[in-house]
Amino acid sequence: MIYFNGCSYTYGVGTRKHDTLQICSKYCYPTIAAKTLKQKHINQAEPGSCNFNIFRKFTKYISANNPDLVVIMWSDALRTEVFKPNLFDNSHYDNGINQITPQNTNNIKDYYLREAMEGYYGFVINETKAALDTLTLMASVQQLCESKNIS
């Protein structure tokens, strides 16, 4: 069993002209790699995921499972998340944690909330902190895999 996680690319966005769930799952690199290696796989990637979300899903999965191989394609380090239920009108995150980038704050309808989120993002996130956070998550994944004898 091969475990995959990541953001849009691992999910399969961009594999065909008109992306649908079926097209993404059929043509994404995890499906092709698993088929080539003749292995079963699970792909927990989600478009727009930040690295904290990827890591959280990985730790939940790895605590109950023992795959043979783990492949994580880390997202843009500057993506982050914020707990704010119903932040986006089209949010599919049912736990109140929303993935946020400077670009997707444009999707917030309420002007004052949008301004606050843009200010929050600029105040809390910078390239150095984002890179260090991602390196910490990478090292944690490596240590968890080594502790379970996973490649």
Protein backbone atom coordinates (compact mmCIF):
# COMPACT_ATOMS: atom_id res chain seq x y z
CA MET A 1 0.00 0.00 0.00
CA ILE A 2 1.30 3.45 -0.97
CA TYR A 3 0.05 6.54 0.87
CA PHE A 4 -0.10 9.82 -1.08
CA ASN A 5 -0.96 13.30 0.14
CA GLY A 6 -0.55 16.84 -1.13
CA CYS A 7 -2.56 19.62 -2.70
CA SER A 8 -4.03 20.17 -6.18
CA TYR A 9 -1.30 18.48 -8.18
CA THR A 10 -1.37 15.29 -6.13
CA TYR A 11 -5.18 15.37 -6.26
CA GLY A 12 -4.92 15.47 -10.04
CA VAL A 13 -6.04 19.00 -10.93
CA GLY A 14 -4.72 19.87 -14.36
CA THR A 15 -4.60 16.32 -15.69
CA ARG A 16 -7.24 17.00 -18.33
CA LYS A 17 -9.03 19.99 -19.83
CA HIS A 18 -12.16 19.66 -17.70
CA ASP A 19 -11.26 18.37 -14.25
CA THR A 20 -13.84 16.22 -12.49
CA LEU A 21 -13.33 13.95 -9.51
CA GLN A 22 -13.29 10.89 -11.81
CA ILE A 23 -10.80 12.42 -14.25
CA CYS A 24 -8.53 13.65 -11.44
CA SER A 25 -8.46 10.29 -9.68
CA LYS A 26 -7.91 8.40 -12.93
CA TYR A 27 -5.03 10.51 -14.30
CA CYS A 28 -3.28 11.84 -11.18
CA TYR A 29 0.31 10.80 -10.59
CA PRO A 30 -0.54 8.69 -7.49
CA THR A 31 -2.84 6.46 -9.57
CA ILE A 32 -0.29 6.15 -12.37
CA ALA A 33 2.59 5.44 -9.95
CA ALA A 34 0.61 2.82 -8.04
CA LYS A 35 -0.50 1.15 -11.26
CA THR A 36 3.08 1.12 -12.58
CA LEU A 37 4.35 -0.38 -9.31
CA LYS A 38 1.37 -2.78 -9.15
CA GLN A 39 0.45 -1.50 -5.70
CA LYS A 40 -2.77 -0.41 -4.01
CA HIS A 41 -2.82 3.19 -2.89
CA ILE A 42 -4.69 5.84 -1.00
CA ASN A 43 -4.64 9.47 -2.09
CA GLN A 44 -5.66 11.92 0.64
CA ALA A 45 -4.68 15.00 -1.38
CA GLU A 46 -7.08 17.91 -1.42
CA PRO A 47 -6.98 20.97 -3.68
CA GLY A 48 -5.93 24.10 -1.81
CA SER A 49 -4.44 22.22 1.15
CA CYS A 50 -1.79 23.90 3.21
CA ASN A 51 1.05 21.90 4.71
CA PHE A 52 -0.54 21.86 8.18
CA ASN A 53 -3.66 20.21 6.72
CA ILE A 54 -1.53 17.69 4.80
CA PHE A 55 0.41 16.85 7.96
CA ARG A 56 -2.73 16.57 10.11
CA LYS A 57 -4.34 14.10 7.67
CA PHE A 58 -1.08 12.15 7.42
CA THR A 59 -0.72 11.76 11.20
CA LYS A 60 -4.33 10.65 11.55
CA TYR A 61 -3.89 8.06 8.80
CA ILE A 62 -0.49 6.81 9.96
CA SER A 63 -1.67 6.33 13.54
CA ALA A 64 -4.11 3.64 12.36
CA ASN A 65 -2.34 2.27 9.27
CA ASN A 66 1.07 1.03 8.19
CA PRO A 67 1.60 1.65 4.46
CA ASP A 68 4.71 0.37 2.69
CA LEU A 69 5.56 3.77 1.23
CA VAL A 70 4.64 7.39 1.95
CA VAL A 71 4.75 10.06 -0.76
CA ILE A 72 3.91 13.64 0.19
CA MET A 73 4.07 16.51 -2.26
CA TRP A 74 4.22 19.53 -0.01
CA SER A 75 2.19 22.59 -0.91
CA ASP A 76 3.25 26.21 -1.25
CA ALA A 77 4.77 27.01 2.14
CA LEU A 78 2.95 30.35 2.29
CA ARG A 79 -0.46 28.69 2.42
CA THR A 80 -1.79 28.54 5.95
CA GLU A 81 -5.04 27.89 7.74
CA VAL A 82 -7.30 29.69 10.12
CA PHE A 83 -10.13 28.50 12.35
CA LYS A 84 -13.22 30.44 11.35
CA PRO A 85 -16.40 28.47 10.66
CA ASN A 86 -18.15 29.52 7.45
CA LEU A 87 -15.34 31.84 6.40
CA PHE A 88 -15.95 31.10 2.73
CA ASP A 89 -19.41 30.77 1.22
CA ASN A 90 -18.32 27.73 -0.77
CA SER A 91 -16.20 26.15 1.98
CA HIS A 92 -16.32 22.38 2.21
CA TYR A 93 -14.33 22.26 5.41
CA ASP A 94 -16.83 21.09 8.01
CA ASN A 95 -14.49 21.48 10.98
CA GLY A 96 -14.17 25.27 10.72
CA ILE A 97 -10.53 25.19 9.61
CA ASN A 98 -10.11 27.03 6.32
CA GLN A 99 -7.10 26.98 4.04
CA ILE A 100 -6.06 30.55 3.31
CA THR A 101 -3.78 32.32 0.86
CA PRO A 102 -3.62 35.98 -0.11
CA GLN A 103 -5.43 35.06 -3.33
CA ASN A 104 -8.43 33.29 -1.83
CA THR A 105 -9.27 36.12 0.59
CA ASN A 106 -10.99 37.65 -2.45
CA ASN A 107 -13.67 34.98 -2.03
CA ILE A 108 -14.75 36.40 1.34
CA LYS A 109 -17.95 38.37 0.71
CA ASP A 110 -17.94 40.50 3.87
CA TYR A 111 -15.69 43.53 3.25
CA TYR A 112 -14.55 43.99 6.87
CA LEU A 113 -13.85 40.29 7.36
CA ARG A 114 -11.91 40.21 4.07
CA GLU A 115 -9.81 43.21 5.16
CA ALA A 116 -9.20 41.61 8.56
CA MET A 117 -8.12 38.31 6.99
CA GLU A 118 -5.75 40.04 4.57
CA GLY A 119 -4.23 41.93 7.48
CA TYR A 120 -4.03 38.76 9.58
CA TYR A 121 -2.30 36.91 6.79
CA GLY A 122 0.25 39.67 6.22
CA PHE A 123 0.94 39.94 9.95
CA VAL A 124 1.28 36.23 10.76
CA ILE A 125 2.93 34.73 7.66
CA ASN A 126 6.28 35.46 6.09
CA GLU A 127 8.52 33.37 3.84
CA THR A 128 11.06 32.50 6.52
CA LYS A 129 8.47 31.32 9.04
CA ALA A 130 6.60 29.38 6.36
CA ALA A 131 9.78 27.62 5.22
CA LEU A 132 10.76 26.71 8.80
CA ASP A 133 7.24 25.43 9.55
CA THR A 134 7.33 23.24 6.43
CA LEU A 135 10.80 21.89 7.26
CA THR A 136 9.55 20.99 10.74
CA LEU A 137 6.59 19.10 9.25
CA MET A 138 8.88 17.31 6.78
CA ALA A 139 11.23 16.19 9.56
CA SER A 140 8.26 15.02 11.63
CA VAL A 141 6.94 12.91 8.75
CA GLN A 142 10.38 11.39 8.26
CA GLN A 143 10.67 10.53 11.96
CA LEU A 144 7.18 9.01 12.11
CA CYS A 145 7.88 6.90 9.03
CA GLU A 146 11.24 5.73 10.40
CA SER A 147 9.61 4.79 13.69
CA LYS A 148 7.17 2.55 11.79
CA ASN A 149 9.78 1.22 9.29
CA ILE A 150 8.05 2.91 6.36
CA SER A 151 9.98 4.09 3.28
